[in-house]
Amino acid sequence: MRLAKPTPTLEAVLKRSNLAAAFFIGFALFSPLHLFAEKAAGNSSGTAASAQGNEGKVLATLDAPGYTYMELAGTDKRFWIAAPTTKVKVGDRVRFDQSLVMKNFNSKTLNRTFDQIIFVNSATVVN
């Protein structure tokens, strides 16, 4: 004769659900998988960083809650970066630590789509 398995309580189910959600959110935020995706797309973050030199002259700025978007002129082309809120003005020279390159990024706050943008950990004015 088989004994029936006890039915888990609602509290136990919710605890497992919360742990699973926390695990997947943490994995998504801290996973290096975006690096593999960029390499597969032919545009690794290392390639973009070396091509743009992680530095440029500010051509334009846009502010949004928590971010400063900057159009920079590098040695060979113009590109956009998004940094944590940074006090910067047109004409400043900015150095940045690259984090993530995104293509066709749509900013709902700015109501604008960027063909390519680099999300950076920090940006420093180096005039």
N, C-alpha and C. Protein backbone atom coordinates (compact mmCIF):
# COMPACT_ATOMS: atom_id res chain seq x y z
N MET A 1 0.84 -1.17 0.00
CA MET A 1 0.00 0.00 0.00
C MET A 1 0.89 1.25 0.00
N ARG A 2 0.61 2.16 -0.89
CA ARG A 2 1.38 3.41 -0.99
C ARG A 2 0.76 4.48 -0.13
N LEU A 3 1.65 5.24 0.48
CA LEU A 3 1.18 6.40 1.24
C LEU A 3 1.23 7.62 0.34
N ALA A 4 0.23 8.44 0.43
CA ALA A 4 0.19 9.66 -0.39
C ALA A 4 1.23 10.65 0.11
N LYS A 5 1.87 11.35 -0.84
CA LYS A 5 2.83 12.38 -0.47
C LYS A 5 2.08 13.54 0.17
N PRO A 6 2.67 14.12 1.19
CA PRO A 6 2.00 15.29 1.78
C PRO A 6 2.01 16.45 0.79
N THR A 7 0.91 17.15 0.74
CA THR A 7 0.80 18.31 -0.14
C THR A 7 1.57 19.47 0.46
N PRO A 8 2.45 20.12 -0.35
CA PRO A 8 3.22 21.24 0.20
C PRO A 8 2.29 22.39 0.58
N THR A 9 2.67 23.07 1.63
CA THR A 9 1.86 24.21 2.05
C THR A 9 2.09 25.38 1.11
N LEU A 10 1.16 26.30 1.14
CA LEU A 10 1.28 27.50 0.30
C LEU A 10 2.55 28.27 0.64
N GLU A 11 2.89 28.33 1.90
CA GLU A 11 4.10 29.03 2.33
C GLU A 11 5.35 28.39 1.73
N ALA A 12 5.41 27.07 1.71
CA ALA A 12 6.56 26.36 1.15
C ALA A 12 6.67 26.62 -0.35
N VAL A 13 5.54 26.60 -1.04
CA VAL A 13 5.53 26.85 -2.49
C VAL A 13 6.00 28.27 -2.78
N LEU A 14 5.51 29.25 -2.03
CA LEU A 14 5.90 30.64 -2.25
C LEU A 14 7.39 30.85 -1.96
N LYS A 15 7.89 30.19 -0.92
CA LYS A 15 9.31 30.32 -0.58
C LYS A 15 10.18 29.80 -1.72
N ARG A 16 9.81 28.64 -2.28
CA ARG A 16 10.56 28.10 -3.41
C ARG A 16 10.44 29.00 -4.63
N SER A 17 9.26 29.55 -4.86
CA SER A 17 9.07 30.45 -6.01
C SER A 17 9.92 31.69 -5.88
N ASN A 18 9.98 32.27 -4.68
CA ASN A 18 10.79 33.46 -4.46
C ASN A 18 12.27 33.16 -4.64
N LEU A 19 12.72 32.01 -4.14
CA LEU A 19 14.12 31.63 -4.31
C LEU A 19 14.46 31.44 -5.79
N ALA A 20 13.57 30.80 -6.52
CA ALA A 20 13.80 30.58 -7.95
C ALA A 20 13.85 31.92 -8.69
N ALA A 21 12.93 32.82 -8.38
CA ALA A 21 12.91 34.13 -9.03
C ALA A 21 14.19 34.90 -8.72
N ALA A 22 14.62 34.88 -7.46
CA ALA A 22 15.85 35.58 -7.08
C ALA A 22 17.05 34.99 -7.82
N PHE A 23 17.10 33.67 -7.95
CA PHE A 23 18.21 33.02 -8.65
C PHE A 23 18.25 33.47 -10.11
N PHE A 24 17.12 33.43 -10.80
CA PHE A 24 17.11 33.78 -12.22
C PHE A 24 17.40 35.26 -12.45
N ILE A 25 16.91 36.12 -11.59
CA ILE A 25 17.21 37.56 -11.71
C ILE A 25 18.71 37.78 -11.50
N GLY A 26 19.27 37.16 -10.47
CA GLY A 26 20.70 37.29 -10.22
C GLY A 26 21.52 36.75 -11.37
N PHE A 27 21.12 35.63 -11.92
CA PHE A 27 21.83 35.04 -13.05
C PHE A 27 21.78 35.97 -14.26
N ALA A 28 20.61 36.55 -14.53
CA ALA A 28 20.47 37.45 -15.68
C ALA A 28 21.32 38.71 -15.51
N LEU A 29 21.38 39.24 -14.30
CA LEU A 29 22.13 40.48 -14.06
C LEU A 29 23.64 40.27 -14.07
N PHE A 30 24.11 39.16 -13.54
CA PHE A 30 25.53 38.98 -13.36
C PHE A 30 26.15 37.95 -14.30
N SER A 31 25.38 37.48 -15.24
CA SER A 31 25.87 36.47 -16.17
C SER A 31 26.72 37.10 -17.27
N PRO A 32 27.79 36.45 -17.67
CA PRO A 32 28.60 36.95 -18.79
C PRO A 32 28.05 36.52 -20.15
N LEU A 33 26.83 36.00 -20.20
CA LEU A 33 26.29 35.50 -21.46
C LEU A 33 26.19 36.58 -22.53
N HIS A 34 25.98 37.85 -22.12
CA HIS A 34 25.89 38.91 -23.13
C HIS A 34 27.19 39.02 -23.93
N LEU A 35 28.33 38.67 -23.32
CA LEU A 35 29.60 38.70 -24.04
C LEU A 35 29.61 37.67 -25.16
N PHE A 36 29.07 36.47 -24.88
CA PHE A 36 29.01 35.45 -25.91
C PHE A 36 28.06 35.85 -27.04
N ALA A 37 26.95 36.49 -26.68
CA ALA A 37 25.99 36.93 -27.69
C ALA A 37 26.61 37.98 -28.60
N GLU A 38 27.37 38.91 -28.03
CA GLU A 38 28.01 39.94 -28.83
C GLU A 38 29.07 39.34 -29.75
N LYS A 39 29.84 38.37 -29.26
CA LYS A 39 30.84 37.73 -30.11
C LYS A 39 30.17 36.99 -31.25
N ALA A 40 29.06 36.33 -30.96
CA ALA A 40 28.33 35.61 -32.00
C ALA A 40 27.80 36.57 -33.04
N ALA A 41 27.45 37.78 -32.61
CA ALA A 41 26.94 38.79 -33.53
C ALA A 41 28.07 39.49 -34.28
N GLY A 42 29.30 39.17 -33.91
CA GLY A 42 30.44 39.78 -34.60
C GLY A 42 30.84 41.12 -34.04
N ASN A 43 30.31 41.49 -32.87
CA ASN A 43 30.65 42.79 -32.29
C ASN A 43 30.90 42.61 -30.81
N SER A 44 32.06 42.09 -30.46
CA SER A 44 32.36 41.88 -29.05
C SER A 44 32.64 43.22 -28.39
N SER A 45 32.42 43.27 -27.09
CA SER A 45 32.66 44.51 -26.37
C SER A 45 34.12 44.92 -26.46
N GLY A 46 35.04 43.97 -26.51
CA GLY A 46 36.45 44.29 -26.64
C GLY A 46 36.75 44.98 -27.96
N THR A 47 36.11 44.54 -29.04
CA THR A 47 36.33 45.15 -30.34
C THR A 47 35.84 46.59 -30.35
N ALA A 48 34.66 46.83 -29.80
CA ALA A 48 34.14 48.19 -29.77
C ALA A 48 35.01 49.09 -28.90
N ALA A 49 35.48 48.55 -27.78
CA ALA A 49 36.30 49.35 -26.88
C ALA A 49 37.59 49.76 -27.55
N SER A 50 38.26 48.83 -28.22
CA SER A 50 39.53 49.18 -28.82
C SER A 50 39.34 50.10 -30.01
N ALA A 51 38.26 49.94 -30.75
CA ALA A 51 38.02 50.80 -31.91
C ALA A 51 37.73 52.23 -31.49
N GLN A 52 37.09 52.40 -30.33
CA GLN A 52 36.72 53.73 -29.91
C GLN A 52 37.64 54.28 -28.84
N GLY A 53 38.56 53.49 -28.35
CA GLY A 53 39.56 53.96 -27.42
C GLY A 53 39.05 54.32 -26.04
N ASN A 54 37.80 54.02 -25.72
CA ASN A 54 37.23 54.33 -24.40
C ASN A 54 37.36 55.79 -24.02
N GLU A 55 37.41 56.65 -25.01
CA GLU A 55 37.51 58.08 -24.77
C GLU A 55 36.94 58.82 -25.96
N GLY A 56 36.43 60.03 -25.72
CA GLY A 56 35.94 60.84 -26.83
C GLY A 56 35.56 62.23 -26.37
N LYS A 57 35.34 63.09 -27.37
CA LYS A 57 34.92 64.47 -27.12
C LYS A 57 33.40 64.52 -27.17
N VAL A 58 32.77 65.16 -26.17
CA VAL A 58 31.32 65.21 -26.07
C VAL A 58 30.75 66.14 -27.14
N LEU A 59 29.87 65.57 -27.99
CA LEU A 59 29.20 66.35 -29.03
C LEU A 59 27.79 66.75 -28.62
N ALA A 60 27.14 65.90 -27.80
CA ALA A 60 25.77 66.17 -27.35
C ALA A 60 25.51 65.37 -26.08
N THR A 61 24.59 65.88 -25.25
CA THR A 61 24.19 65.15 -24.04
C THR A 61 22.67 65.13 -23.93
N LEU A 62 22.16 64.08 -23.32
CA LEU A 62 20.74 63.95 -22.99
C LEU A 62 20.67 63.38 -21.58
N ASP A 63 19.87 64.00 -20.73
CA ASP A 63 19.74 63.50 -19.36
C ASP A 63 18.41 62.78 -19.18
N ALA A 64 18.47 61.68 -18.46
CA ALA A 64 17.29 60.89 -18.10
C ALA A 64 17.49 60.47 -16.65
N PRO A 65 16.42 60.08 -15.97
CA PRO A 65 16.58 59.66 -14.57
C PRO A 65 17.62 58.54 -14.43
N GLY A 66 18.70 58.84 -13.71
CA GLY A 66 19.73 57.85 -13.44
C GLY A 66 20.81 57.73 -14.49
N TYR A 67 20.64 58.36 -15.66
CA TYR A 67 21.60 58.21 -16.75
C TYR A 67 21.90 59.55 -17.41
N THR A 68 23.11 59.65 -17.95
CA THR A 68 23.47 60.72 -18.86
C THR A 68 23.88 60.04 -20.16
N TYR A 69 23.18 60.38 -21.24
CA TYR A 69 23.52 59.86 -22.56
C TYR A 69 24.44 60.87 -23.22
N MET A 70 25.54 60.40 -23.81
CA MET A 70 26.50 61.30 -24.44
C MET A 70 26.85 60.80 -25.83
N GLU A 71 26.80 61.70 -26.80
CA GLU A 71 27.34 61.38 -28.12
C GLU A 71 28.79 61.83 -28.10
N LEU A 72 29.69 60.90 -28.40
CA LEU A 72 31.12 61.19 -28.36
C LEU A 72 31.73 61.05 -29.75
N ALA A 73 32.78 61.84 -30.00
CA ALA A 73 33.58 61.70 -31.22
C ALA A 73 34.89 61.06 -30.81
N GLY A 74 35.12 59.86 -31.33
CA GLY A 74 36.38 59.17 -31.07
C GLY A 74 37.36 59.50 -32.18
N THR A 75 38.43 58.75 -32.26
CA THR A 75 39.44 59.02 -33.28
C THR A 75 38.95 58.73 -34.68
N ASP A 76 38.04 57.76 -34.81
CA ASP A 76 37.60 57.40 -36.17
C ASP A 76 36.10 57.45 -36.39
N LYS A 77 35.29 57.65 -35.34
CA LYS A 77 33.84 57.73 -35.56
C LYS A 77 33.11 58.31 -34.36
N ARG A 78 31.82 58.56 -34.58
CA ARG A 78 30.95 59.06 -33.51
C ARG A 78 30.15 57.90 -32.95
N PHE A 79 29.87 57.96 -31.63
CA PHE A 79 29.12 56.89 -30.99
C PHE A 79 28.45 57.43 -29.73
N TRP A 80 27.46 56.69 -29.24
CA TRP A 80 26.71 57.07 -28.04
C TRP A 80 27.10 56.17 -26.88
N ILE A 81 27.18 56.77 -25.68
CA ILE A 81 27.33 56.00 -24.45
C ILE A 81 26.23 56.43 -23.48
N ALA A 82 25.89 55.55 -22.56
CA ALA A 82 24.97 55.86 -21.46
C ALA A 82 25.72 55.56 -20.17
N ALA A 83 25.86 56.58 -19.33
CA ALA A 83 26.62 56.45 -18.08
C ALA A 83 25.71 56.78 -16.91
N PRO A 84 26.07 56.33 -15.71
CA PRO A 84 25.35 56.83 -14.54
C PRO A 84 25.42 58.36 -14.56
N THR A 85 24.42 59.02 -14.02
CA THR A 85 24.32 60.48 -14.09
C THR A 85 25.69 61.12 -13.87
N THR A 86 26.10 61.91 -14.87
CA THR A 86 27.42 62.52 -14.89
C THR A 86 27.29 63.99 -15.28
N LYS A 87 28.00 64.86 -14.55
CA LYS A 87 28.00 66.27 -14.89
C LYS A 87 29.00 66.48 -16.02
N VAL A 88 28.50 66.77 -17.21
CA VAL A 88 29.34 66.89 -18.39
C VAL A 88 28.73 67.92 -19.33
N LYS A 89 29.57 68.56 -20.14
CA LYS A 89 29.04 69.55 -21.10
C LYS A 89 29.67 69.32 -22.46
N VAL A 90 29.04 69.84 -23.49
CA VAL A 90 29.55 69.73 -24.85
C VAL A 90 30.95 70.31 -24.90
N GLY A 91 31.86 69.58 -25.53
CA GLY A 91 33.25 70.01 -25.63
C GLY A 91 34.17 69.32 -24.65
N ASP A 92 33.61 68.77 -23.56
CA ASP A 92 34.43 68.04 -22.59
C ASP A 92 35.00 66.78 -23.24
N ARG A 93 36.13 66.35 -22.73
CA ARG A 93 36.72 65.07 -23.12
C ARG A 93 36.36 64.07 -22.02
N VAL A 94 35.83 62.91 -22.40
CA VAL A 94 35.34 61.92 -21.44
C VAL A 94 36.03 60.59 -21.66
N ARG A 95 36.44 59.97 -20.56
CA ARG A 95 36.99 58.61 -20.58
C ARG A 95 35.98 57.72 -19.84
N PHE A 96 35.78 56.50 -20.33
CA PHE A 96 34.76 55.63 -19.73
C PHE A 96 35.23 54.20 -19.63
N ASP A 97 34.59 53.48 -18.71
CA ASP A 97 34.79 52.04 -18.55
C ASP A 97 33.61 51.35 -19.20
N GLN A 98 33.88 50.62 -20.24
CA GLN A 98 32.82 49.98 -21.02
C GLN A 98 32.23 48.79 -20.28
N SER A 99 30.93 48.59 -20.48
CA SER A 99 30.27 47.47 -19.85
C SER A 99 29.53 46.62 -20.86
N LEU A 100 28.61 47.22 -21.63
CA LEU A 100 27.74 46.45 -22.49
C LEU A 100 27.39 47.24 -23.75
N VAL A 101 27.52 46.62 -24.91
CA VAL A 101 27.13 47.24 -26.17
C VAL A 101 25.76 46.69 -26.55
N MET A 102 24.85 47.61 -26.89
CA MET A 102 23.52 47.17 -27.33
C MET A 102 23.20 47.80 -28.68
N LYS A 103 22.59 47.01 -29.54
CA LYS A 103 22.16 47.51 -30.84
C LYS A 103 20.66 47.72 -30.82
N ASN A 104 20.21 48.73 -31.57
CA ASN A 104 18.78 49.07 -31.68
C ASN A 104 18.13 49.21 -30.31
N PHE A 105 18.80 49.95 -29.42
CA PHE A 105 18.27 50.15 -28.06
C PHE A 105 17.22 51.25 -28.08
N ASN A 106 16.03 50.93 -27.58
CA ASN A 106 14.95 51.91 -27.50
C ASN A 106 14.82 52.43 -26.08
N SER A 107 15.02 53.74 -25.93
CA SER A 107 14.83 54.39 -24.63
C SER A 107 13.42 54.95 -24.60
N LYS A 108 12.59 54.37 -23.77
CA LYS A 108 11.21 54.87 -23.66
C LYS A 108 11.19 56.24 -22.99
N THR A 109 12.13 56.46 -22.07
CA THR A 109 12.20 57.75 -21.38
C THR A 109 12.52 58.87 -22.36
N LEU A 110 13.46 58.64 -23.26
CA LEU A 110 13.86 59.66 -24.23
C LEU A 110 13.04 59.59 -25.52
N ASN A 111 12.22 58.55 -25.66
CA ASN A 111 11.42 58.35 -26.86
C ASN A 111 12.33 58.34 -28.09
N ARG A 112 13.36 57.50 -28.02
CA ARG A 112 14.38 57.48 -29.06
C ARG A 112 15.00 56.09 -29.15
N THR A 113 15.36 55.69 -30.36
CA THR A 113 16.07 54.43 -30.57
C THR A 113 17.48 54.75 -31.04
N PHE A 114 18.45 54.15 -30.37
CA PHE A 114 19.86 54.30 -30.73
C PHE A 114 20.28 53.10 -31.57
N ASP A 115 20.91 53.33 -32.72
CA ASP A 115 21.38 52.21 -33.55
C ASP A 115 22.32 51.33 -32.75
N GLN A 116 23.23 51.96 -32.01
CA GLN A 116 24.14 51.25 -31.12
C GLN A 116 24.49 52.18 -29.97
N ILE A 117 24.53 51.64 -28.78
CA ILE A 117 24.88 52.43 -27.61
C ILE A 117 25.72 51.57 -26.67
N ILE A 118 26.65 52.20 -25.99
CA ILE A 118 27.50 51.49 -25.03
C ILE A 118 27.06 51.91 -23.64
N PHE A 119 26.62 50.96 -22.83
CA PHE A 119 26.31 51.24 -21.43
C PHE A 119 27.60 51.09 -20.66
N VAL A 120 27.94 52.12 -19.90
CA VAL A 120 29.23 52.13 -19.22
C VAL A 120 29.05 52.16 -17.71
N ASN A 121 30.06 51.66 -16.99
CA ASN A 121 30.03 51.64 -15.54
C ASN A 121 30.32 53.02 -14.97
N SER A 122 31.19 53.77 -15.64
CA SER A 122 31.53 55.11 -15.16
C SER A 122 32.08 55.92 -16.33
N ALA A 123 31.94 57.24 -16.19
CA ALA A 123 32.49 58.18 -17.18
C ALA A 123 33.13 59.31 -16.40
N THR A 124 34.32 59.72 -16.85
CA THR A 124 35.08 60.76 -16.14
C THR A 124 35.51 61.83 -17.14
N VAL A 125 35.28 63.09 -16.76
CA VAL A 125 35.75 64.20 -17.59
C VAL A 125 37.26 64.30 -17.40
N VAL A 126 38.01 64.36 -18.52
CA VAL A 126 39.48 64.38 -18.45
C VAL A 126 40.08 65.59 -19.16
N ASN A 127 39.39 66.72 -19.14
CA ASN A 127 39.88 67.94 -19.82
C ASN A 127 41.30 68.27 -19.46
